[in-house]
Amino acid sequence: MSLWVDKYRPRSLDSLDYHVEEAGTLKKLVTSGDFPHLLFYGPPGAGKKTRVSCLLRELYGGGVDKLRIEHHTFTTPSKKKINLSTVSSNYHLEVNPRHVNVSIVVLTLQAARFSLDVGIYDRIVIQELIKDMASTAQLDITNQREFKVVVIHEVISATRSRCLPIRVAAPTVENIVNILCNVAKLEGLIMPTDLAKRIAVASDRNLRRSLLLAEVARAQHYPYSCEQTLLLPDWQNFVADTASRILGEQSPRRHIRGRLYELLAHCVPPDVVFRGLLDSLLSSCDSTIKYELVNLAATHEHRMHLGQKPIFHLEAFIIGFMAMYKRFIEDTLGVSEI
């Protein structure tokens, strides 16, 4: 039994529910006989990978769904061995090299050239979530006819200049409501419009998360009720509780470090932790310190992207906020006593 998010995922460009004009542009690229390196960008849950999968099926048909997992071992110049797992078909290769050296990815791309010849495209190399690698790696435009690279993440300007950027914006609330109602209808259910709107807002217009919340709500209570409680993910509640502890007492006794380690150990991205903490703190802070709070979060998040240890920058942000908030409380109490 598959999840709704997988069961009803569009499998062709013609079956996409939103951004239809962009889908038409992709189809024209396919029929044109050739296309450049592509750069898909947009918020999580907007449908970047879904569109890439549909693009692959337009090019090669159903063979791209016959996937296999392969494990590669590379030796760096320093004699260090690094393992890299890939998901591939006879037509494409998916790489997730967030924590490997740039040269490893280059070797993988070079190896893809000598694979089975499947036409003028040879192989489409999909690089997912390659923020760390793409900040320094560049694409050689002379190899454009030997393989294609489809990047799904933010990259430096040197790489962007060699790619055709395709923005996949988050679906609107109305888009998500229509999709949730259609999926419920296909399942033989009735989804109230008000509940669908609440799910769209609670998921921050993330379609993947919206479908998961709708399926959880179905298991929790059916028939659906407009007032029923939405069960948010445990990590989201954990982040909100961490923010409450920070606001409750500004001292090491709150054991915030252990909670941050808990989130990172369960594969919650540090960017998501930053965003969750900031949203929770902003909703409970006085308006006079909100600007300083946002500036503090932006500074430490930027430093986190430049560094290698997210935990250090998360801790620095929380320490900075605790000092700022404690100073604000003391100043407020001092003024009130006068």
C-alpha atoms as a PDB file:
ATOM      1  CA  MET A   1       0.000   0.000   0.000  1.00  0.00           C
ATOM      2  CA  SER A   2       1.641   3.221  -1.167  1.00  0.00           C
ATOM      3  CA  LEU A   3       1.267   6.692   0.262  1.00  0.00           C
ATOM      4  CA  TRP A   4      -0.935   9.197  -1.526  1.00  0.00           C
ATOM      5  CA  VAL A   5       2.092  11.356  -2.285  1.00  0.00           C
ATOM      6  CA  ASP A   6       3.564   8.468  -4.331  1.00  0.00           C
ATOM      7  CA  LYS A   7       0.348   6.911  -5.584  1.00  0.00           C
ATOM      8  CA  TYR A   8      -0.943  10.090  -7.239  1.00  0.00           C
ATOM      9  CA  ARG A   9       2.335  11.644  -8.332  1.00  0.00           C
ATOM     10  CA  PRO A  10       2.018  12.910 -11.944  1.00  0.00           C
ATOM     11  CA  ARG A  11       3.878  10.717 -14.404  1.00  0.00           C
ATOM     12  CA  SER A  12       3.825  12.958 -17.481  1.00  0.00           C
ATOM     13  CA  LEU A  13       4.145  16.654 -18.227  1.00  0.00           C
ATOM     14  CA  ASP A  14       0.555  16.715 -19.506  1.00  0.00           C
ATOM     15  CA  SER A  15      -0.808  15.451 -16.175  1.00  0.00           C
ATOM     16  CA  LEU A  16       0.720  18.208 -14.011  1.00  0.00           C
ATOM     17  CA  ASP A  17      -1.873  20.126 -11.996  1.00  0.00           C
ATOM     18  CA  TYR A  18      -0.194  23.543 -11.818  1.00  0.00           C
ATOM     19  CA  HIS A  19       2.526  25.556 -13.594  1.00  0.00           C
ATOM     20  CA  VAL A  20       1.101  24.233 -16.854  1.00  0.00           C
ATOM     21  CA  GLU A  21       2.889  26.867 -18.965  1.00  0.00           C
ATOM     22  CA  GLU A  22       6.274  25.824 -17.576  1.00  0.00           C
ATOM     23  CA  ALA A  23       5.402  22.196 -18.339  1.00  0.00           C
ATOM     24  CA  GLY A  24       4.682  23.207 -21.931  1.00  0.00           C
ATOM     25  CA  THR A  25       8.094  24.856 -22.123  1.00  0.00           C
ATOM     26  CA  LEU A  26       9.761  21.651 -20.928  1.00  0.00           C
ATOM     27  CA  LYS A  27       7.866  19.652 -23.531  1.00  0.00           C
ATOM     28  CA  LYS A  28       9.067  22.003 -26.263  1.00  0.00           C
ATOM     29  CA  LEU A  29      12.635  21.492 -25.054  1.00  0.00           C
ATOM     30  CA  VAL A  30      12.182  17.735 -25.411  1.00  0.00           C
ATOM     31  CA  THR A  31      10.757  17.949 -28.927  1.00  0.00           C
ATOM     32  CA  SER A  32      13.409  20.438 -30.061  1.00  0.00           C
ATOM     33  CA  GLY A  33      16.004  17.669 -30.307  1.00  0.00           C
ATOM     34  CA  ASP A  34      18.466  19.071 -27.780  1.00  0.00           C
ATOM     35  CA  PHE A  35      18.505  21.115 -24.610  1.00  0.00           C
ATOM     36  CA  PRO A  36      21.136  22.669 -22.337  1.00  0.00           C
ATOM     37  CA  HIS A  37      22.056  21.858 -18.762  1.00  0.00           C
ATOM     38  CA  LEU A  38      19.027  22.589 -16.590  1.00  0.00           C
ATOM     39  CA  LEU A  39      18.831  24.185 -13.161  1.00  0.00           C
ATOM     40  CA  PHE A  40      15.588  23.568 -11.268  1.00  0.00           C
ATOM     41  CA  TYR A  41      15.121  25.737  -8.208  1.00  0.00           C
ATOM     42  CA  GLY A  42      12.312  26.516  -5.809  1.00  0.00           C
ATOM     43  CA  PRO A  43      11.048  25.824  -2.274  1.00  0.00           C
ATOM     44  CA  PRO A  44      10.683  22.296  -0.850  1.00  0.00           C
ATOM     45  CA  GLY A  45       7.580  20.435  -1.960  1.00  0.00           C
ATOM     46  CA  ALA A  46       7.039  22.605  -5.042  1.00  0.00           C
ATOM     47  CA  GLY A  47       7.469  19.723  -7.491  1.00  0.00           C
ATOM     48  CA  LYS A  48      11.028  20.026  -8.799  1.00  0.00           C
ATOM     49  CA  LYS A  49      11.855  16.332  -8.839  1.00  0.00           C
ATOM     50  CA  THR A  50       8.388  15.428 -10.115  1.00  0.00           C
ATOM     51  CA  ARG A  51       8.954  17.640 -13.154  1.00  0.00           C
ATOM     52  CA  VAL A  52      12.394  16.179 -13.757  1.00  0.00           C
ATOM     53  CA  SER A  53      10.916  12.660 -13.606  1.00  0.00           C
ATOM     54  CA  CYS A  54       8.215  13.649 -16.084  1.00  0.00           C
ATOM     55  CA  LEU A  55      10.886  15.140 -18.339  1.00  0.00           C
ATOM     56  CA  LEU A  56      12.813  11.859 -18.258  1.00  0.00           C
ATOM     57  CA  ARG A  57       9.707   9.871 -19.212  1.00  0.00           C
ATOM     58  CA  GLU A  58       9.056  12.222 -22.122  1.00  0.00           C
ATOM     59  CA  LEU A  59      12.582  11.506 -23.354  1.00  0.00           C
ATOM     60  CA  TYR A  60      12.978   7.779 -22.692  1.00  0.00           C
ATOM     61  CA  GLY A  61       9.615   6.327 -21.706  1.00  0.00           C
ATOM     62  CA  GLY A  62       8.910   3.986 -18.811  1.00  0.00           C
ATOM     63  CA  GLY A  63      12.447   2.611 -18.718  1.00  0.00           C
ATOM     64  CA  VAL A  64      13.500   5.407 -16.374  1.00  0.00           C
ATOM     65  CA  ASP A  65      11.327   3.857 -13.643  1.00  0.00           C
ATOM     66  CA  LYS A  66      13.412   0.669 -13.559  1.00  0.00           C
ATOM     67  CA  LEU A  67      15.839   1.886 -10.925  1.00  0.00           C
ATOM     68  CA  ARG A  68      18.752   0.194  -9.228  1.00  0.00           C
ATOM     69  CA  ILE A  69      20.912   1.260  -6.314  1.00  0.00           C
ATOM     70  CA  GLU A  70      24.655   1.169  -6.838  1.00  0.00           C
ATOM     71  CA  HIS A  71      27.450   1.712  -4.335  1.00  0.00           C
ATOM     72  CA  HIS A  72      30.738   3.208  -5.505  1.00  0.00           C
ATOM     73  CA  THR A  73      34.017   3.524  -3.638  1.00  0.00           C
ATOM     74  CA  PHE A  74      36.485   6.234  -4.626  1.00  0.00           C
ATOM     75  CA  THR A  75      39.995   6.885  -3.373  1.00  0.00           C
ATOM     76  CA  THR A  76      41.037  10.507  -2.906  1.00  0.00           C
ATOM     77  CA  PRO A  77      44.600  11.769  -3.540  1.00  0.00           C
ATOM     78  CA  SER A  78      45.144  11.498   0.216  1.00  0.00           C
ATOM     79  CA  LYS A  79      44.334   7.748   0.016  1.00  0.00           C
ATOM     80  CA  LYS A  80      41.059   8.226   1.840  1.00  0.00           C
ATOM     81  CA  LYS A  81      38.221   5.994   0.663  1.00  0.00           C
ATOM     82  CA  ILE A  82      34.793   7.541   0.246  1.00  0.00           C
ATOM     83  CA  ASN A  83      31.590   5.621  -0.429  1.00  0.00           C
ATOM     84  CA  LEU A  84      28.931   7.109  -2.689  1.00  0.00           C
ATOM     85  CA  SER A  85      25.519   5.605  -3.352  1.00  0.00           C
ATOM     86  CA  THR A  86      23.676   6.327  -6.592  1.00  0.00           C
ATOM     87  CA  VAL A  87      20.243   5.513  -7.980  1.00  0.00           C
ATOM     88  CA  SER A  88      20.252   4.899 -11.714  1.00  0.00           C
ATOM     89  CA  SER A  89      18.457   3.428 -14.692  1.00  0.00           C
ATOM     90  CA  ASN A  90      19.780   2.739 -18.176  1.00  0.00           C
ATOM     91  CA  TYR A  91      19.083   6.369 -19.001  1.00  0.00           C
ATOM     92  CA  HIS A  92      19.960   8.499 -16.006  1.00  0.00           C
ATOM     93  CA  LEU A  93      21.931   8.687 -12.794  1.00  0.00           C
ATOM     94  CA  GLU A  94      20.834  10.310  -9.527  1.00  0.00           C
ATOM     95  CA  VAL A  95      23.565  11.481  -7.177  1.00  0.00           C
ATOM     96  CA  ASN A  96      23.214  12.946  -3.701  1.00  0.00           C
ATOM     97  CA  PRO A  97      26.783  14.050  -2.914  1.00  0.00           C
ATOM     98  CA  ARG A  98      26.202  16.438  -0.033  1.00  0.00           C
ATOM     99  CA  HIS A  99      29.073  15.163   2.076  1.00  0.00           C
ATOM    100  CA  VAL A 100      31.603  14.001  -0.499  1.00  0.00           C
ATOM    101  CA  ASN A 101      34.455  15.734  -2.252  1.00  0.00           C
ATOM    102  CA  VAL A 102      33.842  17.623  -5.479  1.00  0.00           C
ATOM    103  CA  SER A 103      36.301  15.422  -7.376  1.00  0.00           C
ATOM    104  CA  ILE A 104      34.201  12.376  -6.533  1.00  0.00           C
ATOM    105  CA  VAL A 105      31.242  13.870  -8.345  1.00  0.00           C
ATOM    106  CA  VAL A 106      33.412  14.708 -11.339  1.00  0.00           C
ATOM    107  CA  LEU A 107      34.555  11.089 -11.504  1.00  0.00           C
ATOM    108  CA  THR A 108      30.953   9.959 -11.386  1.00  0.00           C
ATOM    109  CA  LEU A 109      30.063  12.322 -14.212  1.00  0.00           C
ATOM    110  CA  GLN A 110      33.026  11.119 -16.264  1.00  0.00           C
ATOM    111  CA  ALA A 111      31.986   7.500 -15.690  1.00  0.00           C
ATOM    112  CA  ALA A 112      28.502   8.312 -16.919  1.00  0.00           C
ATOM    113  CA  ARG A 113      29.912   9.250 -20.311  1.00  0.00           C
ATOM    114  CA  PHE A 114      31.180   5.740 -20.970  1.00  0.00           C
ATOM    115  CA  SER A 115      27.885   4.081 -20.066  1.00  0.00           C
ATOM    116  CA  LEU A 116      25.405   2.570 -22.474  1.00  0.00           C
ATOM    117  CA  ASP A 117      24.717   4.852 -25.440  1.00  0.00           C
ATOM    118  CA  VAL A 118      21.025   5.745 -25.434  1.00  0.00           C
ATOM    119  CA  GLY A 119      20.958   8.567 -27.952  1.00  0.00           C
ATOM    120  CA  ILE A 120      22.261  12.105 -28.266  1.00  0.00           C
ATOM    121  CA  TYR A 121      21.705  12.695 -24.566  1.00  0.00           C
ATOM    122  CA  ASP A 122      23.792   9.655 -23.480  1.00  0.00           C
ATOM    123  CA  ARG A 123      22.805  10.142 -19.877  1.00  0.00           C
ATOM    124  CA  ILE A 124      21.025  12.729 -17.836  1.00  0.00           C
ATOM    125  CA  VAL A 125      22.781  13.210 -14.555  1.00  0.00           C
ATOM    126  CA  ILE A 126      20.522  14.434 -11.798  1.00  0.00           C
ATOM    127  CA  GLN A 127      22.316  15.987  -8.856  1.00  0.00           C
ATOM    128  CA  GLU A 128      20.040  16.424  -5.900  1.00  0.00           C
ATOM    129  CA  LEU A 129      20.650  18.661  -2.934  1.00  0.00           C
ATOM    130  CA  ILE A 130      24.254  19.459  -3.855  1.00  0.00           C
ATOM    131  CA  LYS A 131      24.598  22.728  -2.033  1.00  0.00           C
ATOM    132  CA  ASP A 132      28.008  21.962  -0.576  1.00  0.00           C
ATOM    133  CA  MET A 133      29.391  20.609  -3.823  1.00  0.00           C
ATOM    134  CA  ALA A 134      27.828  23.118  -6.201  1.00  0.00           C
ATOM    135  CA  SER A 135      29.322  26.096  -4.377  1.00  0.00           C
ATOM    136  CA  THR A 136      32.656  25.261  -6.029  1.00  0.00           C
ATOM    137  CA  ALA A 137      31.976  22.820  -8.867  1.00  0.00           C
ATOM    138  CA  GLN A 138      31.552  24.099 -12.415  1.00  0.00           C
ATOM    139  CA  LEU A 139      30.173  22.543 -15.563  1.00  0.00           C
ATOM    140  CA  ASP A 140      32.324  22.231 -18.651  1.00  0.00           C
ATOM    141  CA  ILE A 141      30.227  23.589 -21.496  1.00  0.00           C
ATOM    142  CA  THR A 142      32.302  21.640 -24.036  1.00  0.00           C
ATOM    143  CA  ASN A 143      30.850  18.405 -22.618  1.00  0.00           C
ATOM    144  CA  GLN A 144      27.285  19.522 -23.215  1.00  0.00           C
ATOM    145  CA  ARG A 145      26.680  16.970 -25.966  1.00  0.00           C
ATOM    146  CA  GLU A 146      28.306  14.124 -24.049  1.00  0.00           C
ATOM    147  CA  PHE A 147      25.986  14.228 -21.049  1.00  0.00           C
ATOM    148  CA  LYS A 148      23.379  16.501 -19.558  1.00  0.00           C
ATOM    149  CA  VAL A 149      23.314  17.713 -15.990  1.00  0.00           C
ATOM    150  CA  VAL A 150      20.050  18.548 -14.263  1.00  0.00           C
ATOM    151  CA  VAL A 151      20.802  20.290 -10.974  1.00  0.00           C
ATOM    152  CA  ILE A 152      18.141  20.623  -8.289  1.00  0.00           C
ATOM    153  CA  HIS A 153      19.551  23.163  -5.871  1.00  0.00           C
ATOM    154  CA  GLU A 154      21.183  26.553  -5.421  1.00  0.00           C
ATOM    155  CA  VAL A 155      24.565  26.978  -7.082  1.00  0.00           C
ATOM    156  CA  ILE A 156      27.148  29.670  -7.672  1.00  0.00           C
ATOM    157  CA  SER A 157      26.876  32.126 -10.563  1.00  0.00           C
ATOM    158  CA  ALA A 158      29.591  30.358 -12.585  1.00  0.00           C
ATOM    159  CA  THR A 159      27.459  27.219 -12.669  1.00  0.00           C
ATOM    160  CA  ARG A 160      24.218  29.128 -13.211  1.00  0.00           C
ATOM    161  CA  SER A 161      25.655  30.783 -16.314  1.00  0.00           C
ATOM    162  CA  ARG A 162      26.030  27.337 -17.931  1.00  0.00           C
ATOM    163  CA  CYS A 163      22.484  26.225 -17.128  1.00  0.00           C
ATOM    164  CA  LEU A 164      18.983  27.111 -18.217  1.00  0.00           C
ATOM    165  CA  PRO A 165      17.256  28.101 -14.947  1.00  0.00           C
ATOM    166  CA  ILE A 166      13.710  26.832 -14.435  1.00  0.00           C
ATOM    167  CA  ARG A 167      11.896  28.193 -11.403  1.00  0.00           C
ATOM    168  CA  VAL A 168       9.330  25.917  -9.790  1.00  0.00           C
ATOM    169  CA  ALA A 169       7.330  28.131  -7.449  1.00  0.00           C
ATOM    170  CA  ALA A 170       5.357  26.744  -4.527  1.00  0.00           C
ATOM    171  CA  PRO A 171       1.738  25.956  -5.401  1.00  0.00           C
ATOM    172  CA  THR A 172      -0.865  28.427  -4.216  1.00  0.00           C
ATOM    173  CA  VAL A 173      -3.321  27.568  -1.463  1.00  0.00           C
ATOM    174  CA  GLU A 174      -6.020  27.192  -4.123  1.00  0.00           C
ATOM    175  CA  ASN A 175      -3.838  24.750  -6.078  1.00  0.00           C
ATOM    176  CA  ILE A 176      -3.283  22.614  -2.991  1.00  0.00           C
ATOM    177  CA  VAL A 177      -6.983  22.695  -2.062  1.00  0.00           C
ATOM    178  CA  ASN A 178      -7.957  21.473  -5.545  1.00  0.00           C
ATOM    179  CA  ILE A 179      -5.330  18.719  -5.484  1.00  0.00           C
ATOM    180  CA  LEU A 180      -6.351  17.525  -2.002  1.00  0.00           C
ATOM    181  CA  CYS A 181     -10.026  17.441  -2.976  1.00  0.00           C
ATOM    182  CA  ASN A 182      -9.250  15.544  -6.199  1.00  0.00           C
ATOM    183  CA  VAL A 183      -7.061  12.997  -4.398  1.00  0.00           C
ATOM    184  CA  ALA A 184      -9.744  12.487  -1.742  1.00  0.00           C
ATOM    185  CA  LYS A 185     -12.320  11.967  -4.499  1.00  0.00           C
ATOM    186  CA  LEU A 186     -10.118   9.341  -6.151  1.00  0.00           C
ATOM    187  CA  GLU A 187      -9.915   7.588  -2.765  1.00  0.00           C
ATOM    188  CA  GLY A 188     -13.701   7.691  -2.430  1.00  0.00           C
ATOM    189  CA  LEU A 189     -13.559  10.326   0.319  1.00  0.00           C
ATOM    190  CA  ILE A 190     -15.008  13.801   0.784  1.00  0.00           C
ATOM    191  CA  MET A 191     -12.550  16.526   1.788  1.00  0.00           C
ATOM    192  CA  PRO A 192     -14.118  19.729   3.226  1.00  0.00           C
ATOM    193  CA  THR A 193     -12.711  22.834   1.557  1.00  0.00           C
ATOM    194  CA  ASP A 194     -12.081  24.544   4.903  1.00  0.00           C
ATOM    195  CA  LEU A 195     -10.020  21.603   6.141  1.00  0.00           C
ATOM    196  CA  ALA A 196      -8.044  21.530   2.893  1.00  0.00           C
ATOM    197  CA  LYS A 197      -7.245  25.235   3.337  1.00  0.00           C
ATOM    198  CA  ARG A 198      -6.068  24.625   6.900  1.00  0.00           C
ATOM    199  CA  ILE A 199      -3.823  21.809   5.696  1.00  0.00           C
ATOM    200  CA  ALA A 200      -2.361  24.002   2.933  1.00  0.00           C
ATOM    201  CA  VAL A 201      -1.555  26.783   5.402  1.00  0.00           C
ATOM    202  CA  ALA A 202      -0.193  24.400   8.065  1.00  0.00           C
ATOM    203  CA  SER A 203       2.136  22.799   5.516  1.00  0.00           C
ATOM    204  CA  ASP A 204       3.477  26.202   4.407  1.00  0.00           C
ATOM    205  CA  ARG A 205       2.268  25.460   0.844  1.00  0.00           C
ATOM    206  CA  ASN A 206       4.420  22.348   0.678  1.00  0.00           C
ATOM    207  CA  LEU A 207       2.412  19.957  -1.498  1.00  0.00           C
ATOM    208  CA  ARG A 208       4.230  16.838  -0.321  1.00  0.00           C
ATOM    209  CA  ARG A 209       3.605  17.718   3.310  1.00  0.00           C
ATOM    210  CA  SER A 210      -0.023  18.638   2.547  1.00  0.00           C
ATOM    211  CA  LEU A 211      -0.738  15.203   1.099  1.00  0.00           C
ATOM    212  CA  LEU A 212       0.917  13.515   4.064  1.00  0.00           C
ATOM    213  CA  LEU A 213      -1.109  15.624   6.521  1.00  0.00           C
ATOM    214  CA  ALA A 214      -4.314  14.817   4.646  1.00  0.00           C
ATOM    215  CA  GLU A 215      -3.578  11.092   4.797  1.00  0.00           C
ATOM    216  CA  VAL A 216      -2.756  11.293   8.507  1.00  0.00           C
ATOM    217  CA  ALA A 217      -6.005  13.195   9.097  1.00  0.00           C
ATOM    218  CA  ARG A 218      -7.864  10.414   7.268  1.00  0.00           C
ATOM    219  CA  ALA A 219      -6.345   7.787   9.571  1.00  0.00           C
ATOM    220  CA  GLN A 220      -7.033   9.958  12.607  1.00  0.00           C
ATOM    221  CA  HIS A 221     -10.688  10.712  11.953  1.00  0.00           C
ATOM    222  CA  TYR A 222     -13.144  10.043   9.163  1.00  0.00           C
ATOM    223  CA  PRO A 223     -15.526  11.474   8.060  1.00  0.00           C
ATOM    224  CA  TYR A 224     -13.343  14.563   7.894  1.00  0.00           C
ATOM    225  CA  SER A 225     -14.290  17.437  10.170  1.00  0.00           C
ATOM    226  CA  CYS A 226     -13.478  21.089   9.483  1.00  0.00           C
ATOM    227  CA  GLU A 227     -12.492  21.537  13.136  1.00  0.00           C
ATOM    228  CA  GLN A 228     -10.426  18.388  13.593  1.00  0.00           C
ATOM    229  CA  THR A 229      -6.908  18.774  14.950  1.00  0.00           C
ATOM    230  CA  LEU A 230      -4.068  18.434  12.480  1.00  0.00           C
ATOM    231  CA  LEU A 231      -1.252  16.208  13.704  1.00  0.00           C
ATOM    232  CA  LEU A 232       1.960  18.030  12.862  1.00  0.00           C
ATOM    233  CA  PRO A 233       5.238  16.083  12.534  1.00  0.00           C
ATOM    234  CA  ASP A 234       6.987  15.271  15.805  1.00  0.00           C
ATOM    235  CA  TRP A 235      10.091  17.227  14.846  1.00  0.00           C
ATOM    236  CA  GLN A 236       7.982  20.336  14.266  1.00  0.00           C
ATOM    237  CA  ASN A 237       6.455  20.090  17.741  1.00  0.00           C
ATOM    238  CA  PHE A 238       9.929  19.391  19.130  1.00  0.00           C
ATOM    239  CA  VAL A 239      11.302  22.595  17.568  1.00  0.00           C
ATOM    240  CA  ALA A 240       8.384  24.620  18.934  1.00  0.00           C
ATOM    241  CA  ASP A 241       8.933  23.166  22.411  1.00  0.00           C
ATOM    242  CA  THR A 242      12.645  24.008  22.163  1.00  0.00           C
ATOM    243  CA  ALA A 243      11.764  27.621  21.367  1.00  0.00           C
ATOM    244  CA  SER A 244       9.431  27.705  24.390  1.00  0.00           C
ATOM    245  CA  ARG A 245      12.260  26.487  26.628  1.00  0.00           C
ATOM    246  CA  ILE A 246      14.548  29.206  25.274  1.00  0.00           C
ATOM    247  CA  LEU A 247      11.946  31.858  26.045  1.00  0.00           C
ATOM    248  CA  GLY A 248      11.205  30.389  29.472  1.00  0.00           C
ATOM    249  CA  GLU A 249      14.729  30.643  30.858  1.00  0.00           C
ATOM    250  CA  GLN A 250      17.951  32.005  29.394  1.00  0.00           C
ATOM    251  CA  SER A 251      20.522  29.709  30.981  1.00  0.00           C
ATOM    252  CA  PRO A 252      22.471  26.496  30.236  1.00  0.00           C
ATOM    253  CA  ARG A 253      20.090  24.599  32.522  1.00  0.00           C
ATOM    254  CA  ARG A 254      17.573  24.345  29.689  1.00  0.00           C
ATOM    255  CA  HIS A 255      19.786  21.717  27.957  1.00  0.00           C
ATOM    256  CA  ILE A 256      19.155  23.197  24.529  1.00  0.00           C
ATOM    257  CA  ARG A 257      22.316  21.700  23.037  1.00  0.00           C
ATOM    258  CA  GLY A 258      21.063  18.168  23.567  1.00  0.00           C
ATOM    259  CA  ARG A 259      17.789  19.007  21.843  1.00  0.00           C
ATOM    260  CA  LEU A 260      19.647  20.438  18.849  1.00  0.00           C
ATOM    261  CA  TYR A 261      21.747  17.270  18.614  1.00  0.00           C
ATOM    262  CA  GLU A 262      18.529  15.254  18.774  1.00  0.00           C
ATOM    263  CA  LEU A 263      17.081  17.113  15.785  1.00  0.00           C
ATOM    264  CA  LEU A 264      20.234  16.834  13.687  1.00  0.00           C
ATOM    265  CA  ALA A 265      20.675  13.154  14.589  1.00  0.00           C
ATOM    266  CA  HIS A 266      17.182  12.478  13.221  1.00  0.00           C
ATOM    267  CA  CYS A 267      18.158  14.068   9.882  1.00  0.00           C
ATOM    268  CA  VAL A 268      16.214  17.299  10.301  1.00  0.00           C
ATOM    269  CA  PRO A 269      18.126  19.759   8.057  1.00  0.00           C
ATOM    270  CA  PRO A 270      19.783  22.618   9.971  1.00  0.00           C
ATOM    271  CA  ASP A 271      18.092  25.122   7.640  1.00  0.00           C
ATOM    272  CA  VAL A 272      14.715  23.770   8.714  1.00  0.00           C
ATOM    273  CA  VAL A 273      15.729  23.959  12.388  1.00  0.00           C
ATOM    274  CA  PHE A 274      16.768  27.590  11.918  1.00  0.00           C
ATOM    275  CA  ARG A 275      13.482  28.456  10.220  1.00  0.00           C
ATOM    276  CA  GLY A 276      11.394  26.636  12.818  1.00  0.00           C
ATOM    277  CA  LEU A 277      13.153  28.268  15.758  1.00  0.00           C
ATOM    278  CA  LEU A 278      12.915  31.702  14.155  1.00  0.00           C
ATOM    279  CA  ASP A 279       9.186  31.383  13.414  1.00  0.00           C
ATOM    280  CA  SER A 280       8.416  30.174  16.939  1.00  0.00           C
ATOM    281  CA  LEU A 281      10.525  32.886  18.581  1.00  0.00           C
ATOM    282  CA  LEU A 282       9.076  35.643  16.387  1.00  0.00           C
ATOM    283  CA  SER A 283       5.527  34.697  17.321  1.00  0.00           C
ATOM    284  CA  SER A 284       6.319  35.145  21.037  1.00  0.00           C
ATOM    285  CA  CYS A 285       8.696  38.131  21.008  1.00  0.00           C
ATOM    286  CA  ASP A 286       7.968  41.797  21.426  1.00  0.00           C
ATOM    287  CA  SER A 287       7.865  43.744  18.171  1.00  0.00           C
ATOM    288  CA  THR A 288      10.766  45.958  19.302  1.00  0.00           C
ATOM    289  CA  ILE A 289      13.290  43.103  19.079  1.00  0.00           C
ATOM    290  CA  LYS A 290      11.949  41.240  16.041  1.00  0.00           C
ATOM    291  CA  TYR A 291      14.224  43.084  13.616  1.00  0.00           C
ATOM    292  CA  GLU A 292      17.278  42.288  15.726  1.00  0.00           C
ATOM    293  CA  LEU A 293      16.166  38.656  15.988  1.00  0.00           C
ATOM    294  CA  VAL A 294      15.786  38.258  12.215  1.00  0.00           C
ATOM    295  CA  ASN A 295      19.163  39.920  11.652  1.00  0.00           C
ATOM    296  CA  LEU A 296      20.775  37.577  14.192  1.00  0.00           C
ATOM    297  CA  ALA A 297      19.255  34.486  12.551  1.00  0.00           C
ATOM    298  CA  ALA A 298      20.293  35.602   9.055  1.00  0.00           C
ATOM    299  CA  THR A 299      23.870  36.225  10.193  1.00  0.00           C
ATOM    300  CA  HIS A 300      24.341  32.835  11.829  1.00  0.00           C
ATOM    301  CA  GLU A 301      22.539  30.929   9.075  1.00  0.00           C
ATOM    302  CA  HIS A 302      24.869  32.517   6.510  1.00  0.00           C
ATOM    303  CA  ARG A 303      27.885  31.535   8.609  1.00  0.00           C
ATOM    304  CA  MET A 304      26.507  28.019   8.888  1.00  0.00           C
ATOM    305  CA  HIS A 305      26.513  27.673   5.094  1.00  0.00           C
ATOM    306  CA  LEU A 306      30.139  28.777   5.011  1.00  0.00           C
ATOM    307  CA  GLY A 307      31.201  26.373   7.767  1.00  0.00           C
ATOM    308  CA  GLN A 308      31.153  22.615   8.276  1.00  0.00           C
ATOM    309  CA  LYS A 309      29.501  22.168  11.704  1.00  0.00           C
ATOM    310  CA  PRO A 310      25.866  23.371  11.805  1.00  0.00           C
ATOM    311  CA  ILE A 311      25.589  22.690  15.547  1.00  0.00           C
ATOM    312  CA  PHE A 312      28.123  25.442  16.333  1.00  0.00           C
ATOM    313  CA  HIS A 313      26.129  28.073  14.465  1.00  0.00           C
ATOM    314  CA  LEU A 314      22.791  26.935  15.880  1.00  0.00           C
ATOM    315  CA  GLU A 315      24.235  27.222  19.381  1.00  0.00           C
ATOM    316  CA  ALA A 316      25.727  30.637  18.601  1.00  0.00           C
ATOM    317  CA  PHE A 317      22.333  31.851  17.377  1.00  0.00           C
ATOM    318  CA  ILE A 318      20.565  30.626  20.511  1.00  0.00           C
ATOM    319  CA  ILE A 319      23.218  32.109  22.815  1.00  0.00           C
ATOM    320  CA  GLY A 320      22.959  35.429  20.988  1.00  0.00           C
ATOM    321  CA  PHE A 321      19.176  35.401  21.274  1.00  0.00           C
ATOM    322  CA  MET A 322      19.271  34.489  24.963  1.00  0.00           C
ATOM    323  CA  ALA A 323      21.602  37.411  25.676  1.00  0.00           C
ATOM    324  CA  MET A 324      19.456  39.781  23.618  1.00  0.00           C
ATOM    325  CA  TYR A 325      16.171  38.600  25.160  1.00  0.00           C
ATOM    326  CA  LYS A 326      17.509  38.690  28.716  1.00  0.00           C
ATOM    327  CA  ARG A 327      18.777  42.228  28.169  1.00  0.00           C
ATOM    328  CA  PHE A 328      15.356  43.210  26.804  1.00  0.00           C
ATOM    329  CA  ILE A 329      13.581  41.717  29.846  1.00  0.00           C
ATOM    330  CA  GLU A 330      15.927  43.490  32.263  1.00  0.00           C
ATOM    331  CA  ASP A 331      15.498  46.819  30.474  1.00  0.00           C
ATOM    332  CA  THR A 332      11.718  46.409  30.436  1.00  0.00           C
ATOM    333  CA  LEU A 333      11.561  45.563  34.145  1.00  0.00           C
ATOM    334  CA  GLY A 334      13.893  48.454  34.948  1.00  0.00           C
ATOM    335  CA  VAL A 335      11.674  50.925  33.107  1.00  0.00           C
ATOM    336  CA  SER A 336       8.515  49.583  34.751  1.00  0.00           C
ATOM    337  CA  GLU A 337      10.032  49.877  38.238  1.00  0.00           C
ATOM    338  CA  ILE A 338      10.925  53.514  37.607  1.00  0.00           C
END
